[in-house]
Structure formats: structure tokens, C-alpha cells
Protein backbone atom coordinates (compact mmCIF):
# COMPACT_ATOMS: atom_id res chain seq x y z
CA MET A 1 120.66 156.05 154.70
CA ALA A 2 118.01 155.90 157.40
CA GLU A 3 119.06 154.45 160.72
CA VAL A 4 117.98 150.84 161.17
CA PRO A 5 115.49 150.76 164.05
CA ARG A 6 116.23 148.68 167.09
CA LEU A 7 114.54 145.33 167.52
CA ASN A 8 114.67 145.40 171.33
CA GLY A 9 112.30 148.06 172.63
CA VAL A 10 113.66 147.90 176.17
CA ILE A 11 117.18 148.65 174.95
CA LYS A 12 115.74 151.39 172.74
CA ALA A 13 114.22 153.10 175.78
CA LEU A 14 117.28 152.69 178.02
CA SER A 15 119.81 153.73 175.37
CA GLY A 16 117.69 156.82 174.69
CA GLY A 17 117.82 157.86 178.33
CA GLN A 18 114.22 156.85 179.02
CA PRO A 19 112.95 154.50 181.73
CA ALA A 20 111.76 151.14 180.41
CA PHE A 21 108.43 149.74 181.56
CA THR A 22 108.02 145.97 181.82
CA CYS A 23 106.22 143.26 183.78
CA PHE A 24 106.42 139.59 184.67
CA THR A 25 103.88 137.22 183.16
CA THR A 26 103.21 133.53 182.69
CA ALA A 27 104.41 131.82 179.52
CA ASP A 28 101.04 131.08 178.00
CA VAL A 29 99.12 132.09 174.91
CA GLU A 30 96.41 134.10 176.69
CA ALA A 31 98.89 136.27 178.56
CA ALA A 32 100.97 136.82 175.43
CA LEU A 33 97.92 137.91 173.43
CA ALA A 34 96.76 140.30 176.14
CA LEU A 35 100.16 141.90 176.72
CA SER A 36 101.19 142.16 173.07
CA THR A 37 98.93 145.20 172.59
CA THR A 38 99.91 147.12 175.74
CA LYS A 39 102.27 150.07 176.16
CA TYR A 40 104.90 148.01 177.95
CA ASP A 41 108.35 148.23 176.36
CA GLY A 42 108.85 144.57 177.20
CA ILE A 43 107.59 141.65 179.22
CA VAL A 44 109.42 138.91 181.10
CA PHE A 45 108.03 135.39 180.91
CA GLU A 46 108.41 134.05 184.43
CA MET A 47 110.00 130.60 184.34
CA GLU A 48 111.89 130.60 187.62
CA HIS A 49 108.98 129.96 189.95
CA ASN A 50 106.84 128.50 187.16
CA PRO A 51 107.78 125.24 185.39
CA TRP A 52 110.42 125.38 182.68
CA ASP A 53 108.39 124.52 179.58
CA ALA A 54 110.18 125.31 176.32
CA ARG A 55 107.15 124.45 174.19
CA ALA A 56 104.91 126.80 176.18
CA LEU A 57 107.55 129.51 175.86
CA ARG A 58 107.79 128.95 172.09
CA ASP A 59 104.03 129.30 171.70
CA ALA A 60 103.85 132.39 173.92
CA LEU A 61 106.62 134.04 171.93
CA GLN A 62 104.76 133.43 168.67
CA TYR A 63 101.59 134.98 170.04
CA MET A 64 103.48 138.15 170.89
CA LEU A 65 103.73 138.82 167.15
CA ASN A 66 101.04 140.52 165.09
CA ARG A 67 101.34 140.62 161.30
CA GLY A 68 99.23 143.76 161.04
CA GLN A 69 101.39 145.60 163.55
CA ILE A 70 104.57 144.52 161.76
CA ALA A 71 103.23 145.62 158.37
CA LYS A 72 102.03 148.97 159.71
CA ALA A 73 105.31 149.69 161.50
CA GLY A 74 107.44 148.64 158.54
CA SER A 75 109.78 146.86 160.97
CA VAL A 76 110.12 143.30 162.24
CA ALA A 77 110.68 144.66 165.77
CA PRO A 78 107.94 143.40 168.10
CA SER A 79 105.84 146.17 169.64
CA VAL A 80 106.42 144.60 173.07
CA THR A 81 109.81 142.92 173.55
CA PRO A 82 109.71 139.40 175.04
CA MET A 83 112.32 138.31 177.58
CA VAL A 84 112.58 135.34 179.96
CA ARG A 85 113.44 134.83 183.61
CA ILE A 86 115.14 131.46 183.77
CA PRO A 87 115.62 129.13 186.77
CA PRO A 88 118.35 130.21 189.20
CA ASN A 89 121.85 130.33 187.82
CA GLY A 90 124.02 130.92 190.90
CA GLY A 91 126.20 127.97 191.83
CA GLU A 92 124.44 125.68 189.36
CA LEU A 93 125.62 127.68 186.34
CA GLY A 94 122.68 126.33 184.35
CA GLN A 95 123.27 128.38 181.23
CA TRP A 96 121.40 125.83 179.08
CA HIS A 97 118.13 127.52 180.02
CA ALA A 98 119.44 130.78 178.55
CA LYS A 99 120.58 129.00 175.40
CA GLN A 100 117.17 127.45 174.82
CA ALA A 101 115.33 130.73 175.48
CA LEU A 102 117.64 132.68 173.15
CA ASP A 103 117.41 130.01 170.45
CA LEU A 104 113.61 130.37 170.55
CA GLY A 105 113.95 134.10 169.97
CA ALA A 106 113.96 135.81 173.38
CA TYR A 107 115.58 139.24 173.42
CA GLY A 108 116.80 139.13 176.99
CA ILE A 109 117.46 136.89 179.96
CA VAL A 110 116.76 137.65 183.62
CA TRP A 111 119.24 135.76 185.81
CA PRO A 112 117.98 135.21 189.38
CA HIS A 113 120.18 135.00 192.47
CA VAL A 114 123.46 136.36 191.11
CA SER A 115 125.77 137.00 194.04
CA THR A 116 129.39 136.81 192.82
CA VAL A 117 131.61 138.08 190.04
CA ASP A 118 132.00 134.55 188.65
CA GLN A 119 128.23 134.08 188.48
CA ALA A 120 127.82 137.45 186.75
CA GLU A 121 130.50 136.60 184.23
CA ASN A 122 128.89 133.23 183.50
CA ALA A 123 125.53 134.90 182.91
CA VAL A 124 126.88 137.36 180.36
CA ALA A 125 129.08 134.73 178.68
CA ALA A 126 126.10 132.38 178.28
CA CYS A 127 124.35 135.03 176.17
CA ARG A 128 127.30 135.47 173.78
CA TYR A 129 128.70 133.39 170.96
CA PRO A 130 132.38 132.36 171.17
CA ARG A 131 135.01 134.34 169.27
CA LEU A 132 138.78 134.33 168.98
CA LYS A 133 140.76 136.06 171.69
CA GLY A 134 141.94 138.76 169.31
CA ALA A 135 138.40 139.79 168.41
CA PRO A 136 136.98 143.09 169.66
CA ARG A 137 134.98 142.91 172.88
CA TYR A 138 136.22 139.37 173.57
CA GLU A 139 135.49 139.32 177.31
CA PRO A 140 133.42 137.79 178.76
CA ALA A 141 134.28 134.90 176.46
CA GLY A 142 131.13 133.53 174.86
CA LEU A 143 129.65 130.17 175.87
CA ARG A 144 126.47 130.06 173.79
CA GLY A 145 126.18 127.10 171.44
CA ASP A 146 125.40 127.70 167.78
CA GLY A 147 121.80 126.80 166.93
CA PRO A 148 119.93 129.99 166.02
CA THR A 149 117.43 128.67 163.44
CA GLY A 150 114.37 129.38 165.57
CA ALA A 151 115.63 132.80 166.66
CA VAL A 152 116.43 133.81 163.09
CA ARG A 153 112.88 133.01 162.05
CA TYR A 154 111.40 134.73 165.07
CA TRP A 155 113.45 137.91 164.71
CA GLY A 156 112.67 138.04 160.98
CA VAL A 157 116.27 138.54 159.88
CA SER A 158 118.83 136.56 157.92
CA GLN A 159 121.20 134.24 159.75
CA GLN A 160 124.16 136.57 159.27
CA GLU A 161 122.08 139.56 160.38
CA TYR A 162 121.15 137.63 163.50
CA TYR A 163 124.78 136.88 164.32
CA ALA A 164 125.59 140.60 163.91
CA LYS A 165 122.78 141.63 166.27
CA ALA A 166 122.79 138.75 168.79
CA ASP A 167 125.29 140.19 171.23
CA VAL A 168 124.79 141.83 174.58
CA TRP A 169 124.11 145.53 175.04
CA PRO A 170 125.76 147.83 176.01
CA LEU A 171 129.04 145.93 175.54
CA ASP A 172 128.12 145.84 171.87
CA PRO A 173 126.33 149.15 171.20
CA ASN A 174 124.40 147.46 168.38
CA GLY A 175 123.58 144.35 170.40
CA GLU A 176 119.92 143.41 170.84
CA ILE A 177 120.23 140.99 173.78
CA LEU A 178 119.73 142.30 177.29
CA VAL A 179 121.38 140.61 180.28
CA ILE A 180 119.53 141.39 183.51
CA LEU A 181 121.10 140.23 186.76
CA MET A 182 119.01 139.95 189.92
CA ILE A 183 120.65 141.02 193.17
CA GLU A 184 118.66 139.22 195.87
CA ASP A 185 120.90 138.93 198.92
CA THR A 186 123.46 140.80 200.98
CA GLN A 187 126.31 138.87 199.38
CA GLY A 188 125.22 140.17 195.99
CA ILE A 189 125.04 143.72 197.31
CA ALA A 190 128.55 143.40 198.76
CA ASN A 191 129.90 142.10 195.44
CA LEU A 192 127.92 144.36 193.11
CA ASP A 193 130.60 147.01 192.74
CA ALA A 194 133.12 144.36 191.68
CA MET A 195 130.60 142.78 189.26
CA LEU A 196 129.94 146.07 187.49
CA LYS A 197 133.64 146.93 187.45
CA GLN A 198 134.92 143.57 186.21
CA VAL A 199 132.14 142.17 184.00
CA PRO A 200 131.26 144.14 180.88
CA GLY A 201 127.94 143.42 179.20
CA ILE A 202 125.59 143.69 182.18
CA GLY A 203 122.58 145.58 180.85
CA VAL A 204 120.38 145.96 183.94
CA ILE A 205 120.56 145.16 187.65
CA LEU A 206 117.16 144.11 189.00
CA ILE A 207 116.68 144.08 192.77
CA GLY A 208 115.02 140.93 194.07
CA GLU A 209 113.48 142.60 197.07
CA GLY A 210 111.38 139.58 198.01
CA ASP A 211 114.35 137.31 198.75
CA LEU A 212 116.39 140.24 200.04
CA SER A 213 113.70 141.16 202.56
CA GLN A 214 113.56 137.52 203.66
CA GLU A 215 117.27 137.49 204.47
CA LEU A 216 117.04 140.82 206.26
CA GLY A 217 114.31 139.44 208.50
CA TYR A 218 111.45 141.53 207.13
CA PRO A 219 109.83 139.25 204.52
CA ARG A 220 107.89 141.16 201.88
CA GLN A 221 107.90 144.31 204.00
CA TYR A 222 109.05 146.32 201.00
CA GLU A 223 108.76 149.71 202.70
CA HIS A 224 110.66 148.70 205.84
CA PRO A 225 113.60 151.07 206.47
CA LYS A 226 116.15 148.23 206.52
CA VAL A 227 114.90 146.89 203.19
CA LEU A 228 114.85 150.37 201.63
CA GLU A 229 118.36 151.01 202.95
CA ALA A 230 119.72 147.86 201.29
CA MET A 231 117.94 148.70 198.04
CA ALA A 232 119.32 152.23 198.12
CA GLU A 233 122.83 150.78 198.31
CA VAL A 234 122.17 148.86 195.08
CA VAL A 235 120.85 151.99 193.37
CA LYS A 236 123.90 153.96 194.51
CA THR A 237 126.30 151.36 193.11
CA CYS A 238 124.46 151.15 189.79
CA LYS A 239 124.49 154.93 189.41
CA LYS A 240 128.23 154.91 190.07
CA HIS A 241 128.73 152.61 187.07
CA ASN A 242 125.91 154.10 184.96
CA VAL A 243 124.07 150.78 184.79
CA PRO A 244 120.24 150.89 184.82
CA VAL A 245 118.69 149.53 188.01
CA GLY A 246 115.29 147.87 188.16
CA HIS A 247 112.46 147.50 190.67
CA PRO A 248 110.07 144.50 190.43
CA HIS A 249 107.09 145.85 192.37
CA VAL A 250 105.93 149.09 190.79
CA ASP A 251 102.44 150.49 191.19
CA ALA A 252 100.65 153.82 190.96
CA LYS A 253 101.49 154.58 194.60
CA ASN A 254 105.28 154.20 194.41
CA VAL A 255 106.17 154.87 190.78
CA GLU A 256 106.83 158.59 191.25
CA ARG A 257 109.18 157.90 194.16
CA LEU A 258 111.00 155.17 192.24
CA LEU A 259 111.52 157.36 189.18
CA GLY A 260 112.85 160.09 191.46
CA GLU A 261 115.26 157.68 193.13
CA GLY A 262 116.73 156.72 189.77
CA TYR A 263 115.11 153.39 188.92
CA ARG A 264 115.07 152.95 185.15
CA PHE A 265 113.73 149.40 184.64
CA LEU A 266 110.26 149.45 186.15
CA MET A 267 108.18 146.30 186.48
CA SER A 268 104.49 146.79 187.24
CA ALA A 269 102.08 143.93 187.76
CA PRO A 270 99.40 143.67 185.04
CA VAL A 271 96.77 142.68 187.58
CA ARG A 272 93.26 144.19 187.32
CA SER A 273 94.57 147.46 185.88
CA TYR A 274 97.60 149.08 184.30
CA ALA A 275 97.62 152.02 186.72
CA GLY A 276 101.32 151.72 187.53
CA LEU A 277 102.29 151.55 183.87
CA ASP A 278 100.06 154.45 182.84
CA LYS A 279 101.14 156.75 185.67
CA GLY A 280 104.81 155.87 185.18
CA ARG A 281 104.73 156.64 181.47
CA GLU A 282 102.95 159.94 182.16
CA LEU A 283 105.53 160.95 184.77
CA ALA A 284 108.35 159.99 182.39
CA GLY A 285 106.80 162.00 179.57
CA ARG A 286 106.09 158.86 177.57
CA LYS A 287 102.33 159.06 176.98
């Protein structure tokens, strides 16, 4: 029997040892249409600094799909995987944003401002359905409420198939949901080793270098030695635990360096050109 292809293209790249190429974008129809035909593995609808608008997100998700592409590929997997950055979790523990995004069909959640083990555990748990304590891979115990009708339709699978696939990778090797935690301050850097040691199910660590550089006293000076030193500490910790680490400001000038340093989740801005994406894919052997 042929292997069932993955639905989440970002997980497909990462699990295959390849870097994944993504970008942030607004949750609107025009952006979704434009990005749905690119070579990005996935995109992240930005809803932390933009208003939380579930209807706009629903519409943008729908416009990521193309019936011709699905028919030609013979798979319901979207050619570009949609994910969502939700408003800050942190001390608010606002996992309802994740629930709504997942129920609409998102394949991954970016959690901003995660700084402690408890916050990391809450983020992963919010993306999982509850199960009995004796079940395999019980921890972190799931918190997600059961209402997957929209996601089932969007993914193009049966309800039971959705339940089988809607768990977090790599905790569940067959899971199709990606949990991405943003480390954006020195507290998060100090606690990162404990997070990765104690909380299974973290798929990617994404460095929030904007907020990190603010705290360090060098706002948006991304090449400042102190900022690069702090970022290198995150990369070192992620490599220790074999967890992919991401960079949110990738362009044609820095992509070769970032690939060499071990970044595997590369976010380039789709502004004016796709130079960062194109050069990164070429360097990674993914033309």
C-alpha cells in the first residue's frame, strides 16, 4: 500500500530533514490568493499585531485552496500550508484563539511570548484533544474542546480521520498540527532548555528577535553582536534537543548564513520580490 502523503507541507519538509520556508501575511483574501501559488511550504496568518477576526481568517483559509491543484495532485493536502499566529499567550493563557483557528482548519499555531515551562505546556496542550491518562502520549494533557466540523471540511477528511491526524508533531509522528513557540525575551532563553526537556510536542522554536532586541537595548538592530549572541544561544539549545529553530527575518542577504548556522524554519517577507525564498530553496537544494 502506498504511503499516505502528509497534509502539512511544513512538517513534511522538517521531518524529511529539509528546511521549511514560510512567511507572515495578513489574513485577507488577496494575500491568500497571491501566496497560494508560491513555493512556500507554509504561511502564517499574522493575527497577533493585526486584529483577531475569525471570519477574515475563515475566508483567507478558503482562498488558499485550489480545486485544480487538488485534482492534479491527487491529494487534499494544500500546496501551501496555512498556519496562524495568535494573540499573546503568556500569562493570559488565551488558548481559545488556538481552538478557533484549529477548528477553522489551520495546520499550526504560532504562540508569541512564551517564556516559561508552564506557558509552553499550555500551548501544546491547547492544540491537543483530551484523552485518558492511560492513553499513549498522554502528556501534555489535551485542553482543546471538541468542535471540528469546519476543520474536517477544510482538511477534506472524515471526522474520524481528522481525529487520528489532529495531534501535534513530532510527539505523534503522524500528527499534522505544528506547535511553534516564540522565544522573545531573556527569560524565555533562560527557560528554553527546561521547556524542551519537559514539554513534549514542541515542533519549532521561533526567535522573536524584534522584542528580544528591544529588551537587550538594541531595538531592531538584528545584526548587533549582543542580539546575535542571544540568538545563537537559542540555536544551540534547540540543536541540543533536535528541535527545529526558526528565524523571522530572512532575505537574500542573510539566508546562506542562517542555513549554515542551523536555522530550519525560515520566514522571508513576501514584499516586492521572493528573493529570500528563491535563494534559500536553491541553497537547500529545493529548486
